[in-house]
Amino acid sequence: MKWKRGFREALVLLGLAALGAVAVKAFHPYAPALYLQNEPLREDEVTVEMVAERWGEEGVIWIDARQVVEFEAGHIPGAMLLNKQGWTDQLWEIWSVLEAGDIPVVVYCDSAACKASREIAERLRQNTGRGEVYTLRGGWEAYRASRSSNE
């Protein structure tokens, strides 16, 4: 008899947890997309394929918004490091590149769940007045996946 009561209580707790998860998914402003669901691109967002088609990989300025350790472990060829922790120094180092022409800027971080690229892109728009500043959907993970699928 005691095991039946324990089993019922466990089911109630499991149901309450599932209800909480559904509520968070429905109302949280940064809730990720469900598995196999594609959200439409935001205005300021591009994919690896879009970059290749529109400008070519050398036709954009790649900005890596990750930590120094992650950047040093691997990054998009030609990418420059610019993150919140080193904003002032790093921005000063890459300023001449950012000033040169109307080359689009694409900012990325680790993955789709990473918000650092959005923050850095917004700061770039505000501080440099550049119009074409995009974030890379899926970040470094998407770029690496595109490279492995092309081989």
Protein backbone atom coordinates (compact mmCIF):
# COMPACT_ATOMS: atom_id res chain seq x y z
CA MET A 1 0.00 0.00 0.00
CA LYS A 2 2.80 2.44 0.84
CA TRP A 3 4.42 1.99 -2.56
CA LYS A 4 1.14 2.93 -4.31
CA ARG A 5 0.95 6.17 -2.36
CA GLY A 6 4.61 6.93 -3.12
CA PHE A 7 4.04 6.18 -6.78
CA ARG A 8 1.02 8.55 -6.91
CA GLU A 9 3.00 11.30 -5.20
CA ALA A 10 5.84 10.84 -7.66
CA LEU A 11 3.40 11.12 -10.57
CA VAL A 12 1.91 14.31 -9.13
CA LEU A 13 5.38 15.83 -8.73
CA LEU A 14 6.34 14.79 -12.26
CA GLY A 15 3.13 16.34 -13.62
CA LEU A 16 3.76 19.61 -11.76
CA ALA A 17 7.33 19.74 -13.09
CA ALA A 18 6.09 19.15 -16.65
CA LEU A 19 3.48 21.88 -16.23
CA GLY A 20 6.17 24.28 -15.02
CA ALA A 21 8.37 23.43 -18.01
CA VAL A 22 5.54 24.07 -20.46
CA ALA A 23 4.79 27.42 -18.79
CA VAL A 24 8.44 28.50 -18.99
CA LYS A 25 8.63 27.51 -22.66
CA ALA A 26 5.44 29.41 -23.44
CA PHE A 27 6.23 32.64 -21.59
CA HIS A 28 10.01 33.00 -21.25
CA PRO A 29 11.31 35.73 -23.63
CA TYR A 30 14.46 33.78 -24.55
CA ALA A 31 12.98 30.30 -24.70
CA PRO A 32 14.86 28.24 -27.28
CA ALA A 33 13.11 26.68 -30.24
CA LEU A 34 11.80 23.17 -29.75
CA TYR A 35 13.69 20.34 -31.40
CA LEU A 36 13.30 20.35 -35.20
CA GLN A 37 11.50 23.70 -35.16
CA ASN A 38 13.05 26.48 -37.21
CA GLU A 39 12.41 30.00 -36.05
CA PRO A 40 12.53 32.65 -38.76
CA LEU A 41 15.73 34.68 -38.95
CA ARG A 42 15.73 38.03 -37.22
CA GLU A 43 16.48 41.12 -39.27
CA ASP A 44 20.00 41.33 -37.86
CA GLU A 45 20.75 37.61 -38.18
CA VAL A 46 22.48 35.64 -40.94
CA THR A 47 23.43 32.02 -41.49
CA VAL A 48 26.76 30.64 -42.69
CA GLU A 49 25.16 29.91 -46.05
CA MET A 50 23.81 33.45 -46.38
CA VAL A 51 27.26 34.92 -45.69
CA ALA A 52 28.81 32.68 -48.35
CA GLU A 53 26.13 33.57 -50.93
CA ARG A 54 25.96 37.33 -50.28
CA TRP A 55 29.53 38.33 -49.56
CA GLY A 56 31.78 35.28 -49.44
CA GLU A 57 33.63 34.49 -46.23
CA GLU A 58 36.38 37.00 -46.99
CA GLY A 59 33.83 39.70 -47.78
CA VAL A 60 32.82 40.27 -44.16
CA ILE A 61 34.54 41.27 -40.94
CA TRP A 62 34.22 38.35 -38.53
CA ILE A 63 34.01 39.30 -34.85
CA ASP A 64 34.34 36.56 -32.22
CA ALA A 65 32.49 37.52 -29.01
CA ARG A 66 33.71 34.54 -26.98
CA GLN A 67 36.30 34.42 -24.20
CA VAL A 68 40.00 34.61 -25.08
CA VAL A 69 40.57 30.93 -24.22
CA GLU A 70 37.78 29.81 -26.56
CA PHE A 71 39.02 32.12 -29.32
CA GLU A 72 42.54 30.73 -29.02
CA ALA A 73 41.22 27.16 -29.13
CA GLY A 74 39.69 27.83 -32.56
CA HIS A 75 37.89 30.53 -34.52
CA ILE A 76 36.76 31.46 -38.01
CA PRO A 77 39.82 32.27 -40.15
CA GLY A 78 40.47 36.01 -40.07
CA ALA A 79 38.13 36.61 -37.13
CA MET A 80 39.00 39.27 -34.57
CA LEU A 81 38.31 39.00 -30.86
CA LEU A 82 35.90 41.51 -29.29
CA ASN A 83 34.08 40.64 -26.09
CA LYS A 84 32.58 42.40 -23.07
CA GLN A 85 35.56 41.72 -20.83
CA GLY A 86 38.10 43.35 -23.14
CA TRP A 87 35.80 45.76 -24.96
CA THR A 88 37.89 48.93 -24.73
CA ASP A 89 41.30 47.43 -25.51
CA GLN A 90 40.06 45.04 -28.17
CA LEU A 91 37.92 47.67 -29.89
CA TRP A 92 40.94 49.97 -30.05
CA GLU A 93 42.99 47.17 -31.66
CA ILE A 94 40.46 46.51 -34.43
CA TRP A 95 39.16 50.06 -34.92
CA SER A 96 41.05 50.67 -38.17
CA VAL A 97 39.49 47.55 -39.71
CA LEU A 98 36.01 48.59 -38.59
CA GLU A 99 36.47 52.07 -40.06
CA ALA A 100 37.49 50.77 -43.47
CA GLY A 101 34.64 50.93 -45.94
CA ASP A 102 31.19 49.45 -45.95
CA ILE A 103 32.18 45.86 -45.26
CA PRO A 104 29.46 44.01 -43.31
CA VAL A 105 30.30 42.82 -39.80
CA VAL A 106 29.21 39.37 -38.58
CA VAL A 107 29.46 38.69 -34.84
CA TYR A 108 29.36 35.17 -33.43
CA CYS A 109 29.76 33.34 -30.15
CA ASP A 110 29.49 29.65 -29.17
CA SER A 111 26.01 28.55 -30.16
CA ALA A 112 22.43 29.63 -30.70
CA ALA A 113 21.93 29.81 -26.93
CA CYS A 114 24.79 32.29 -26.49
CA LYS A 115 23.69 35.92 -26.13
CA ALA A 116 27.17 37.52 -26.23
CA SER A 117 27.07 38.00 -30.01
CA ARG A 118 23.82 39.99 -29.79
CA GLU A 119 25.24 42.20 -27.04
CA ILE A 120 28.46 42.90 -28.94
CA ALA A 121 26.58 43.53 -32.20
CA GLU A 122 24.32 46.05 -30.48
CA ARG A 123 27.28 47.81 -28.86
CA LEU A 124 29.01 48.00 -32.24
CA ARG A 125 25.95 49.58 -33.82
CA GLN A 126 25.71 52.13 -31.02
CA ASN A 127 29.43 52.97 -30.77
CA THR A 128 30.48 52.86 -34.42
CA GLY A 129 27.33 53.86 -36.27
CA ARG A 130 27.74 50.91 -38.64
CA GLY A 131 24.52 49.79 -40.26
CA GLU A 132 25.42 46.31 -41.44
CA VAL A 133 26.18 44.45 -38.22
CA TYR A 134 24.76 40.94 -38.07
CA THR A 135 24.84 37.99 -35.70
CA LEU A 136 25.59 34.49 -36.94
CA ARG A 137 22.75 32.09 -36.23
CA GLY A 138 24.16 29.08 -34.40
CA GLY A 139 27.52 30.77 -33.84
CA TRP A 140 30.80 28.85 -33.83
CA GLU A 141 28.97 25.51 -33.67
CA ALA A 142 27.06 26.27 -36.88
CA TYR A 143 30.22 27.39 -38.64
CA ARG A 144 32.10 24.22 -37.64
CA ALA A 145 29.13 22.05 -38.66
CA SER A 146 29.08 23.74 -42.08
CA ARG A 147 32.78 23.00 -42.55
CA SER A 148 32.45 19.33 -41.61
CA SER A 149 29.44 18.88 -43.92
CA ASN A 150 31.39 20.39 -46.84
CA GLU A 151 34.26 17.94 -46.51
